[in-house]
């Protein structure tokens, strides 16, 4: 395989992993929100839920993005993929000089 083909496969695999990571984090945050509303009965009506849910979803996206970039950089460093992937792909996840 060429560097370009490996970079495409790496990008596809990491994109699928990012989707799963985002779903897991979103579900955990929604469960935490549900537990909060269970233990605080005054906040369990529809208005606080409708107000909190967009913020929870946005926070989940931001957290998953930050974790994913660190995870991808860790994968590249751990498996020594710097020389096996295109430089553009490596620079996307690792900000140091190569």
PDB file of N, CA and C in Angstrom:
ATOM      1  N   UNK A   1       0.846  -1.191   0.000  1.00  0.00           N
ATOM      2  CA  UNK A   1       0.000   0.000   0.000  1.00  0.00           C
ATOM      3  C   UNK A   1       0.886   1.247   0.000  1.00  0.00           C
ATOM      4  N   UNK A   2       0.404   2.258  -0.665  1.00  0.00           N
ATOM      5  CA  UNK A   2       1.136   3.515  -0.691  1.00  0.00           C
ATOM      6  C   UNK A   2       0.770   4.354   0.530  1.00  0.00           C
ATOM      7  N   UNK A   3       1.514   5.427   0.742  1.00  0.00           N
ATOM      8  CA  UNK A   3       1.207   6.319   1.865  1.00  0.00           C
ATOM      9  C   UNK A   3      -0.180   6.908   1.714  1.00  0.00           C
ATOM     10  N   UNK A   4      -0.551   7.223   0.489  1.00  0.00           N
ATOM     11  CA  UNK A   4      -1.868   7.817   0.252  1.00  0.00           C
ATOM     12  C   UNK A   4      -2.982   6.838   0.602  1.00  0.00           C
ATOM     13  N   UNK A   5      -2.855   5.592   0.199  1.00  0.00           N
ATOM     14  CA  UNK A   5      -3.870   4.583   0.514  1.00  0.00           C
ATOM     15  C   UNK A   5      -3.959   4.339   2.014  1.00  0.00           C
ATOM     16  N   UNK A   6      -2.792   4.263   2.682  1.00  0.00           N
ATOM     17  CA  UNK A   6      -2.804   4.085   4.134  1.00  0.00           C
ATOM     18  C   UNK A   6      -3.441   5.274   4.837  1.00  0.00           C
ATOM     19  N   UNK A   7      -3.198   6.462   4.317  1.00  0.00           N
ATOM     20  CA  UNK A   7      -3.793   7.664   4.910  1.00  0.00           C
ATOM     21  C   UNK A   7      -5.305   7.655   4.759  1.00  0.00           C
ATOM     22  N   UNK A   8      -5.801   7.190   3.625  1.00  0.00           N
ATOM     23  CA  UNK A   8      -7.248   7.100   3.421  1.00  0.00           C
ATOM     24  C   UNK A   8      -7.857   6.089   4.386  1.00  0.00           C
ATOM     25  N   UNK A   9      -7.228   4.934   4.524  1.00  0.00           N
ATOM     26  CA  UNK A   9      -7.735   3.910   5.449  1.00  0.00           C
ATOM     27  C   UNK A   9      -7.694   4.431   6.885  1.00  0.00           C
ATOM     28  N   UNK A  10      -6.603   5.080   7.261  1.00  0.00           N
ATOM     29  CA  UNK A  10      -6.492   5.638   8.613  1.00  0.00           C
ATOM     30  C   UNK A  10      -7.588   6.665   8.862  1.00  0.00           C
ATOM     31  N   UNK A  11      -7.836   7.535   7.896  1.00  0.00           N
ATOM     32  CA  UNK A  11      -8.868   8.554   8.053  1.00  0.00           C
ATOM     33  C   UNK A  11     -10.256   7.930   8.166  1.00  0.00           C
ATOM     34  N   UNK A  12     -10.538   6.922   7.379  1.00  0.00           N
ATOM     35  CA  UNK A  12     -11.841   6.253   7.461  1.00  0.00           C
ATOM     36  C   UNK A  12     -12.039   5.551   8.807  1.00  0.00           C
ATOM     37  N   UNK A  13     -11.018   4.834   9.249  1.00  0.00           N
ATOM     38  CA  UNK A  13     -11.120   4.110  10.516  1.00  0.00           C
ATOM     39  C   UNK A  13     -11.253   5.082  11.684  1.00  0.00           C
ATOM     40  N   UNK A  14     -10.456   6.148  11.678  1.00  0.00           N
ATOM     41  CA  UNK A  14     -10.550   7.104  12.774  1.00  0.00           C
ATOM     42  C   UNK A  14     -11.875   7.874  12.748  1.00  0.00           C
ATOM     43  N   UNK A  15     -12.442   8.069  11.566  1.00  0.00           N
ATOM     44  CA  UNK A  15     -13.756   8.723  11.493  1.00  0.00           C
ATOM     45  C   UNK A  15     -14.839   7.853  12.120  1.00  0.00           C
ATOM     46  N   UNK A  16     -14.789   6.564  11.846  1.00  0.00           N
ATOM     47  CA  UNK A  16     -15.760   5.650  12.453  1.00  0.00           C
ATOM     48  C   UNK A  16     -15.562   5.609  13.968  1.00  0.00           C
ATOM     49  N   UNK A  17     -14.316   5.574  14.417  1.00  0.00           N
ATOM     50  CA  UNK A  17     -14.038   5.595  15.863  1.00  0.00           C
ATOM     51  C   UNK A  17     -14.528   6.895  16.493  1.00  0.00           C
ATOM     52  N   UNK A  18     -14.382   8.004  15.790  1.00  0.00           N
ATOM     53  CA  UNK A  18     -14.851   9.292  16.300  1.00  0.00           C
ATOM     54  C   UNK A  18     -16.362   9.296  16.443  1.00  0.00           C
ATOM     55  N   UNK A  19     -17.071   8.705  15.508  1.00  0.00           N
ATOM     56  CA  UNK A  19     -18.534   8.630  15.599  1.00  0.00           C
ATOM     57  C   UNK A  19     -18.945   7.823  16.820  1.00  0.00           C
ATOM     58  N   UNK A  20     -18.312   6.661  17.027  1.00  0.00           N
ATOM     59  CA  UNK A  20     -18.638   5.840  18.196  1.00  0.00           C
ATOM     60  C   UNK A  20     -18.287   6.544  19.502  1.00  0.00           C
ATOM     61  N   UNK A  21     -17.143   7.213  19.539  1.00  0.00           N
ATOM     62  CA  UNK A  21     -16.744   7.957  20.733  1.00  0.00           C
ATOM     63  C   UNK A  21     -17.753   9.063  21.041  1.00  0.00           C
ATOM     64  N   UNK A  22     -18.192   9.765  20.015  1.00  0.00           N
ATOM     65  CA  UNK A  22     -19.174  10.836  20.209  1.00  0.00           C
ATOM     66  C   UNK A  22     -20.492  10.268  20.733  1.00  0.00           C
ATOM     67  N   UNK A  23     -20.940   9.163  20.161  1.00  0.00           N
ATOM     68  CA  UNK A  23     -22.191   8.552  20.630  1.00  0.00           C
ATOM     69  C   UNK A  23     -22.095   8.102  22.080  1.00  0.00           C
ATOM     70  N   UNK A  24     -20.974   7.518  22.447  1.00  0.00           N
ATOM     71  CA  UNK A  24     -20.798   7.057  23.825  1.00  0.00           C
ATOM     72  C   UNK A  24     -20.800   8.236  24.792  1.00  0.00           C
ATOM     73  N   UNK A  25     -20.078   9.292  24.452  1.00  0.00           N
ATOM     74  CA  UNK A  25     -20.022  10.464  25.337  1.00  0.00           C
ATOM     75  C   UNK A  25     -21.383  11.132  25.428  1.00  0.00           C
ATOM     76  N   UNK A  26     -22.089  11.258  24.305  1.00  0.00           N
ATOM     77  CA  UNK A  26     -23.424  11.864  24.319  1.00  0.00           C
ATOM     78  C   UNK A  26     -24.374  11.045  25.202  1.00  0.00           C
ATOM     79  N   UNK A  27     -24.337   9.735  25.059  1.00  0.00           N
ATOM     80  CA  UNK A  27     -25.212   8.888  25.876  1.00  0.00           C
ATOM     81  C   UNK A  27     -24.883   9.003  27.356  1.00  0.00           C
ATOM     82  N   UNK A  28     -23.591   9.045  27.688  1.00  0.00           N
ATOM     83  CA  UNK A  28     -23.210   9.197  29.094  1.00  0.00           C
ATOM     84  C   UNK A  28     -23.686  10.534  29.665  1.00  0.00           C
ATOM     85  N   UNK A  29     -23.546  11.600  28.893  1.00  0.00           N
ATOM     86  CA  UNK A  29     -23.999  12.905  29.372  1.00  0.00           C
ATOM     87  C   UNK A  29     -25.517  12.967  29.507  1.00  0.00           C
ATOM     88  N   UNK A  30     -26.240  12.337  28.607  1.00  0.00           N
ATOM     89  CA  UNK A  30     -27.705  12.319  28.701  1.00  0.00           C
ATOM     90  C   UNK A  30     -28.152  11.492  29.898  1.00  0.00           C
ATOM     91  N   UNK A  31     -27.461  10.379  30.158  1.00  0.00           N
ATOM     92  CA  UNK A  31     -27.782   9.576  31.349  1.00  0.00           C
ATOM     93  C   UNK A  31     -27.508  10.382  32.618  1.00  0.00           C
ATOM     94  N   UNK A  32     -26.392  11.106  32.638  1.00  0.00           N
ATOM     95  CA  UNK A  32     -26.095  11.959  33.802  1.00  0.00           C
ATOM     96  C   UNK A  32     -27.156  13.039  33.978  1.00  0.00           C
ATOM     97  N   UNK A  33     -27.621  13.609  32.880  1.00  0.00           N
ATOM     98  CA  UNK A  33     -28.688  14.610  32.948  1.00  0.00           C
ATOM     99  C   UNK A  33     -29.972  13.977  33.490  1.00  0.00           C
ATOM    100  N   UNK A  34     -30.283  12.765  33.046  1.00  0.00           N
ATOM    101  CA  UNK A  34     -31.457  12.066  33.554  1.00  0.00           C
ATOM    102  C   UNK A  34     -31.355  11.764  35.036  1.00  0.00           C
ATOM    103  N   UNK A  35     -30.161  11.359  35.480  1.00  0.00           N
ATOM    104  CA  UNK A  35     -29.963  11.106  36.913  1.00  0.00           C
ATOM    105  C   UNK A  35     -30.089  12.393  37.719  1.00  0.00           C
ATOM    106  N   UNK A  36     -29.584  13.488  37.182  1.00  0.00           N
ATOM    107  CA  UNK A  36     -29.720  14.764  37.862  1.00  0.00           C
ATOM    108  C   UNK A  36     -31.186  15.142  38.019  1.00  0.00           C
ATOM    109  N   UNK A  37     -31.947  14.959  36.963  1.00  0.00           N
ATOM    110  CA  UNK A  37     -33.373  15.287  37.033  1.00  0.00           C
ATOM    111  C   UNK A  37     -34.134  14.311  37.930  1.00  0.00           C
ATOM    112  N   UNK A  38     -33.641  13.088  38.059  1.00  0.00           N
ATOM    113  CA  UNK A  38     -34.290  12.127  38.941  1.00  0.00           C
ATOM    114  C   UNK A  38     -34.114  12.528  40.404  1.00  0.00           C
ATOM    115  N   UNK A  39     -32.909  13.012  40.745  1.00  0.00           N
ATOM    116  CA  UNK A  39     -32.638  13.364  42.128  1.00  0.00           C
ATOM    117  C   UNK A  39     -33.017  14.794  42.478  1.00  0.00           C
ATOM    118  N   UNK A  40     -33.333  15.613  41.472  1.00  0.00           N
ATOM    119  CA  UNK A  40     -33.813  16.982  41.698  1.00  0.00           C
ATOM    120  C   UNK A  40     -35.194  17.072  41.047  1.00  0.00           C
ATOM    121  N   UNK A  41     -36.240  16.693  41.781  1.00  0.00           N
ATOM    122  CA  UNK A  41     -37.567  16.596  41.175  1.00  0.00           C
ATOM    123  C   UNK A  41     -38.104  17.931  40.647  1.00  0.00           C
ATOM    124  N   UNK A  42     -37.690  19.045  41.212  1.00  0.00           N
ATOM    125  CA  UNK A  42     -38.205  20.319  40.739  1.00  0.00           C
ATOM    126  C   UNK A  42     -37.695  20.656  39.332  1.00  0.00           C
ATOM    127  N   UNK A  43     -36.598  20.040  38.915  1.00  0.00           N
ATOM    128  CA  UNK A  43     -36.043  20.313  37.591  1.00  0.00           C
ATOM    129  C   UNK A  43     -36.468  19.292  36.553  1.00  0.00           C
ATOM    130  N   UNK A  44     -37.354  18.385  36.919  1.00  0.00           N
ATOM    131  CA  UNK A  44     -37.707  17.279  36.041  1.00  0.00           C
ATOM    132  C   UNK A  44     -38.834  17.594  35.064  1.00  0.00           C
ATOM    133  N   UNK A  45     -39.305  18.822  34.991  1.00  0.00           N
ATOM    134  CA  UNK A  45     -40.339  19.107  34.002  1.00  0.00           C
ATOM    135  C   UNK A  45     -39.706  19.392  32.644  1.00  0.00           C
ATOM    136  N   UNK A  46     -40.499  19.700  31.651  1.00  0.00           N
ATOM    137  CA  UNK A  46     -40.030  19.753  30.268  1.00  0.00           C
ATOM    138  C   UNK A  46     -39.110  20.942  29.977  1.00  0.00           C
ATOM    139  N   UNK A  47     -39.335  22.082  30.579  1.00  0.00           N
ATOM    140  CA  UNK A  47     -38.558  23.279  30.240  1.00  0.00           C
ATOM    141  C   UNK A  47     -37.067  23.115  30.547  1.00  0.00           C
ATOM    142  N   UNK A  48     -36.648  22.697  31.758  1.00  0.00           N
ATOM    143  CA  UNK A  48     -35.201  22.520  31.999  1.00  0.00           C
ATOM    144  C   UNK A  48     -34.575  21.475  31.071  1.00  0.00           C
ATOM    145  N   UNK A  49     -35.326  20.448  30.742  1.00  0.00           N
ATOM    146  CA  UNK A  49     -34.807  19.430  29.835  1.00  0.00           C
ATOM    147  C   UNK A  49     -34.569  20.016  28.457  1.00  0.00           C
ATOM    148  N   UNK A  50     -35.531  20.798  27.977  1.00  0.00           N
ATOM    149  CA  UNK A  50     -35.397  21.398  26.647  1.00  0.00           C
ATOM    150  C   UNK A  50     -34.288  22.440  26.607  1.00  0.00           C
ATOM    151  N   UNK A  51     -34.027  23.087  27.701  1.00  0.00           N
ATOM    152  CA  UNK A  51     -32.951  24.069  27.749  1.00  0.00           C
ATOM    153  C   UNK A  51     -31.597  23.376  27.901  1.00  0.00           C
ATOM    154  N   UNK A  52     -31.512  22.341  28.707  1.00  0.00           N
ATOM    155  CA  UNK A  52     -30.235  21.692  29.001  1.00  0.00           C
ATOM    156  C   UNK A  52     -29.764  20.774  27.876  1.00  0.00           C
ATOM    157  N   UNK A  53     -30.666  20.169  27.150  1.00  0.00           N
ATOM    158  CA  UNK A  53     -30.268  19.177  26.154  1.00  0.00           C
ATOM    159  C   UNK A  53     -29.369  19.739  25.046  1.00  0.00           C
ATOM    160  N   UNK A  54     -29.652  20.891  24.455  1.00  0.00           N
ATOM    161  CA  UNK A  54     -28.717  21.408  23.440  1.00  0.00           C
ATOM    162  C   UNK A  54     -27.322  21.691  24.002  1.00  0.00           C
ATOM    163  N   UNK A  55     -27.247  22.185  25.233  1.00  0.00           N
ATOM    164  CA  UNK A  55     -25.947  22.434  25.842  1.00  0.00           C
ATOM    165  C   UNK A  55     -25.201  21.135  26.107  1.00  0.00           C
ATOM    166  N   UNK A  56     -25.927  20.121  26.532  1.00  0.00           N
ATOM    167  CA  UNK A  56     -25.317  18.808  26.772  1.00  0.00           C
ATOM    168  C   UNK A  56     -24.796  18.230  25.462  1.00  0.00           C
ATOM    169  N   UNK A  57     -25.571  18.322  24.397  1.00  0.00           N
ATOM    170  CA  UNK A  57     -25.141  17.784  23.109  1.00  0.00           C
ATOM    171  C   UNK A  57     -23.917  18.538  22.576  1.00  0.00           C
ATOM    172  N   UNK A  58     -23.912  19.850  22.707  1.00  0.00           N
ATOM    173  CA  UNK A  58     -22.760  20.636  22.261  1.00  0.00           C
ATOM    174  C   UNK A  58     -21.524  20.310  23.094  1.00  0.00           C
ATOM    175  N   UNK A  59     -21.697  20.191  24.396  1.00  0.00           N
ATOM    176  CA  UNK A  59     -20.573  19.839  25.271  1.00  0.00           C
ATOM    177  C   UNK A  59     -20.034  18.456  24.907  1.00  0.00           C
ATOM    178  N   UNK A  60     -20.917  17.527  24.583  1.00  0.00           N
ATOM    179  CA  UNK A  60     -20.478  16.189  24.179  1.00  0.00           C
ATOM    180  C   UNK A  60     -19.661  16.215  22.902  1.00  0.00           C
ATOM    181  N   UNK A  61     -20.063  17.037  21.942  1.00  0.00           N
ATOM    182  CA  UNK A  61     -19.306  17.154  20.698  1.00  0.00           C
ATOM    183  C   UNK A  61     -17.918  17.743  20.945  1.00  0.00           C
ATOM    184  N   UNK A  62     -17.850  18.774  21.764  1.00  0.00           N
ATOM    185  CA  UNK A  62     -16.563  19.418  22.053  1.00  0.00           C
ATOM    186  C   UNK A  62     -15.639  18.451  22.790  1.00  0.00           C
ATOM    187  N   UNK A  63     -16.165  17.757  23.789  1.00  0.00           N
ATOM    188  CA  UNK A  63     -15.348  16.807  24.562  1.00  0.00           C
ATOM    189  C   UNK A  63     -14.870  15.667  23.670  1.00  0.00           C
ATOM    190  N   UNK A  64     -15.752  15.148  22.820  1.00  0.00           N
ATOM    191  CA  UNK A  64     -15.344  14.040  21.958  1.00  0.00           C
ATOM    192  C   UNK A  64     -14.307  14.493  20.936  1.00  0.00           C
ATOM    193  N   UNK A  65     -14.397  15.708  20.455  1.00  0.00           N
ATOM    194  CA  UNK A  65     -13.384  16.219  19.523  1.00  0.00           C
ATOM    195  C   UNK A  65     -12.022  16.312  20.198  1.00  0.00           C
ATOM    196  N   UNK A  66     -12.000  16.847  21.408  1.00  0.00           N
ATOM    197  CA  UNK A  66     -10.725  16.973  22.122  1.00  0.00           C
ATOM    198  C   UNK A  66     -10.128  15.603  22.420  1.00  0.00           C
ATOM    199  N   UNK A  67     -10.954  14.665  22.868  1.00  0.00           N
ATOM    200  CA  UNK A  67     -10.456  13.320  23.162  1.00  0.00           C
ATOM    201  C   UNK A  67      -9.995  12.607  21.900  1.00  0.00           C
ATOM    202  N   UNK A  68     -10.718  12.815  20.806  1.00  0.00           N
ATOM    203  CA  UNK A  68     -10.381  12.128  19.564  1.00  0.00           C
ATOM    204  C   UNK A  68      -9.039  12.577  19.015  1.00  0.00           C
ATOM    205  N   UNK A  69      -8.749  13.864  19.068  1.00  0.00           N
ATOM    206  CA  UNK A  69      -7.468  14.355  18.564  1.00  0.00           C
ATOM    207  C   UNK A  69      -6.327  13.773  19.392  1.00  0.00           C
ATOM    208  N   UNK A  70      -6.499  13.728  20.708  1.00  0.00           N
ATOM    209  CA  UNK A  70      -5.468  13.127  21.559  1.00  0.00           C
ATOM    210  C   UNK A  70      -5.322  11.626  21.298  1.00  0.00           C
ATOM    211  N   UNK A  71      -6.461  10.948  21.087  1.00  0.00           N
ATOM    212  CA  UNK A  71      -6.447   9.515  20.807  1.00  0.00           C
ATOM    213  C   UNK A  71      -5.747   9.231  19.474  1.00  0.00           C
ATOM    214  N   UNK A  72      -6.045  10.008  18.454  1.00  0.00           N
ATOM    215  CA  UNK A  72      -5.422   9.801  17.141  1.00  0.00           C
ATOM    216  C   UNK A  72      -3.922  10.078  17.207  1.00  0.00           C
ATOM    217  N   UNK A  73      -3.525  11.120  17.928  1.00  0.00           N
ATOM    218  CA  UNK A  73      -2.098  11.413  18.086  1.00  0.00           C
ATOM    219  C   UNK A  73      -1.402  10.286  18.840  1.00  0.00           C
ATOM    220  N   UNK A  74      -2.069   9.743  19.849  1.00  0.00           N
ATOM    221  CA  UNK A  74      -1.495   8.625  20.608  1.00  0.00           C
ATOM    222  C   UNK A  74      -1.313   7.401  19.716  1.00  0.00           C
ATOM    223  N   UNK A  75      -2.311   7.109  18.875  1.00  0.00           N
ATOM    224  CA  UNK A  75      -2.224   5.968  17.956  1.00  0.00           C
ATOM    225  C   UNK A  75      -1.053   6.152  16.988  1.00  0.00           C
ATOM    226  N   UNK A  76      -0.918   7.361  16.443  1.00  0.00           N
ATOM    227  CA  UNK A  76       0.167   7.617  15.488  1.00  0.00           C
ATOM    228  C   UNK A  76       1.522   7.438  16.156  1.00  0.00           C
ATOM    229  N   UNK A  77       1.664   7.946  17.369  1.00  0.00           N
ATOM    230  CA  UNK A  77       2.954   7.830  18.063  1.00  0.00           C
ATOM    231  C   UNK A  77       3.229   6.398  18.523  1.00  0.00           C
ATOM    232  N   UNK A  78       2.207   5.742  19.059  1.00  0.00           N
ATOM    233  CA  UNK A  78       2.393   4.404  19.609  1.00  0.00           C
ATOM    234  C   UNK A  78       2.794   3.396  18.537  1.00  0.00           C
ATOM    235  N   UNK A  79       2.136   3.461  17.389  1.00  0.00           N
ATOM    236  CA  UNK A  79       2.402   2.497  16.322  1.00  0.00           C
ATOM    237  C   UNK A  79       3.390   3.040  15.280  1.00  0.00           C
ATOM    238  N   UNK A  80       4.040   4.171  15.595  1.00  0.00           N
ATOM    239  CA  UNK A  80       5.069   4.766  14.734  1.00  0.00           C
ATOM    240  C   UNK A  80       4.573   4.927  13.298  1.00  0.00           C
ATOM    241  N   UNK A  81       3.449   5.588  13.159  1.00  0.00           N
ATOM    242  CA  UNK A  81       2.848   5.784  11.835  1.00  0.00           C
ATOM    243  C   UNK A  81       3.283   7.085  11.158  1.00  0.00           C
ATOM    244  N   UNK A  82       4.184   7.835  11.777  1.00  0.00           N
ATOM    245  CA  UNK A  82       4.590   9.122  11.208  1.00  0.00           C
ATOM    246  C   UNK A  82       5.157   8.969   9.798  1.00  0.00           C
ATOM    247  N   UNK A  83       5.954   7.927   9.582  1.00  0.00           N
ATOM    248  CA  UNK A  83       6.562   7.737   8.275  1.00  0.00           C
ATOM    249  C   UNK A  83       5.703   6.891   7.331  1.00  0.00           C
ATOM    250  N   UNK A  84       4.628   6.319   7.831  1.00  0.00           N
ATOM    251  CA  UNK A  84       3.772   5.470   7.007  1.00  0.00           C
ATOM    252  C   UNK A  84       2.552   6.205   6.456  1.00  0.00           C
ATOM    253  N   UNK A  85       2.228   7.362   7.037  1.00  0.00           N
ATOM    254  CA  UNK A  85       1.088   8.159   6.577  1.00  0.00           C
ATOM    255  C   UNK A  85       1.593   9.426   5.908  1.00  0.00           C
ATOM    256  N   UNK A  86       0.713  10.041   5.129  1.00  0.00           N
ATOM    257  CA  UNK A  86       1.071  11.309   4.500  1.00  0.00           C
ATOM    258  C   UNK A  86       1.325  12.364   5.569  1.00  0.00           C
ATOM    259  N   UNK A  87       2.232  13.269   5.287  1.00  0.00           N
ATOM    260  CA  UNK A  87       2.601  14.285   6.268  1.00  0.00           C
ATOM    261  C   UNK A  87       1.414  15.170   6.631  1.00  0.00           C
ATOM    262  N   UNK A  88       0.537  15.425   5.670  1.00  0.00           N
ATOM    263  CA  UNK A  88      -0.639  16.257   5.921  1.00  0.00           C
ATOM    264  C   UNK A  88      -1.553  15.627   6.979  1.00  0.00           C
ATOM    265  N   UNK A  89      -1.705  14.320   6.932  1.00  0.00           N
ATOM    266  CA  UNK A  89      -2.551  13.616   7.902  1.00  0.00           C
ATOM    267  C   UNK A  89      -1.902  13.633   9.279  1.00  0.00           C
ATOM    268  N   UNK A  90      -0.605  13.425   9.326  1.00  0.00           N
ATOM    269  CA  UNK A  90       0.104  13.409  10.608  1.00  0.00           C
ATOM    270  C   UNK A  90       0.055  14.795  11.248  1.00  0.00           C
ATOM    271  N   UNK A  91       0.259  15.841  10.445  1.00  0.00           N
ATOM    272  CA  UNK A  91       0.240  17.203  10.988  1.00  0.00           C
ATOM    273  C   UNK A  91      -1.138  17.603  11.500  1.00  0.00           C
ATOM    274  N   UNK A  92      -2.178  16.971  11.007  1.00  0.00           N
ATOM    275  CA  UNK A  92      -3.524  17.280  11.489  1.00  0.00           C
ATOM    276  C   UNK A  92      -3.687  16.896  12.956  1.00  0.00           C
ATOM    277  N   UNK A  93      -3.021  15.842  13.376  1.00  0.00           N
ATOM    278  CA  UNK A  93      -3.195  15.341  14.732  1.00  0.00           C
ATOM    279  C   UNK A  93      -2.007  15.661  15.646  1.00  0.00           C
ATOM    280  N   UNK A  94      -0.818  15.785  15.087  1.00  0.00           N
ATOM    281  CA  UNK A  94       0.370  16.080  15.879  1.00  0.00           C
ATOM    282  C   UNK A  94       0.891  17.439  15.437  1.00  0.00           C
ATOM    283  N   UNK A  95       0.904  18.391  16.366  1.00  0.00           N
ATOM    284  CA  UNK A  95       1.244  19.766  16.037  1.00  0.00           C
ATOM    285  C   UNK A  95       2.735  20.062  16.140  1.00  0.00           C
ATOM    286  N   UNK A  96       3.539  19.126  16.559  1.00  0.00           N
ATOM    287  CA  UNK A  96       4.977  19.329  16.689  1.00  0.00           C
ATOM    288  C   UNK A  96       5.635  19.281  15.316  1.00  0.00           C
ATOM    289  N   UNK A  97       6.849  19.786  15.235  1.00  0.00           N
ATOM    290  CA  UNK A  97       7.623  19.677  13.995  1.00  0.00           C
ATOM    291  C   UNK A  97       8.022  18.231  13.788  1.00  0.00           C
ATOM    292  N   UNK A  98       7.905  17.799  12.560  1.00  0.00           N
ATOM    293  CA  UNK A  98       8.257  16.398  12.270  1.00  0.00           C
ATOM    294  C   UNK A  98       9.663  16.293  11.752  1.00  0.00           C
TER     295      UNK A  98
END
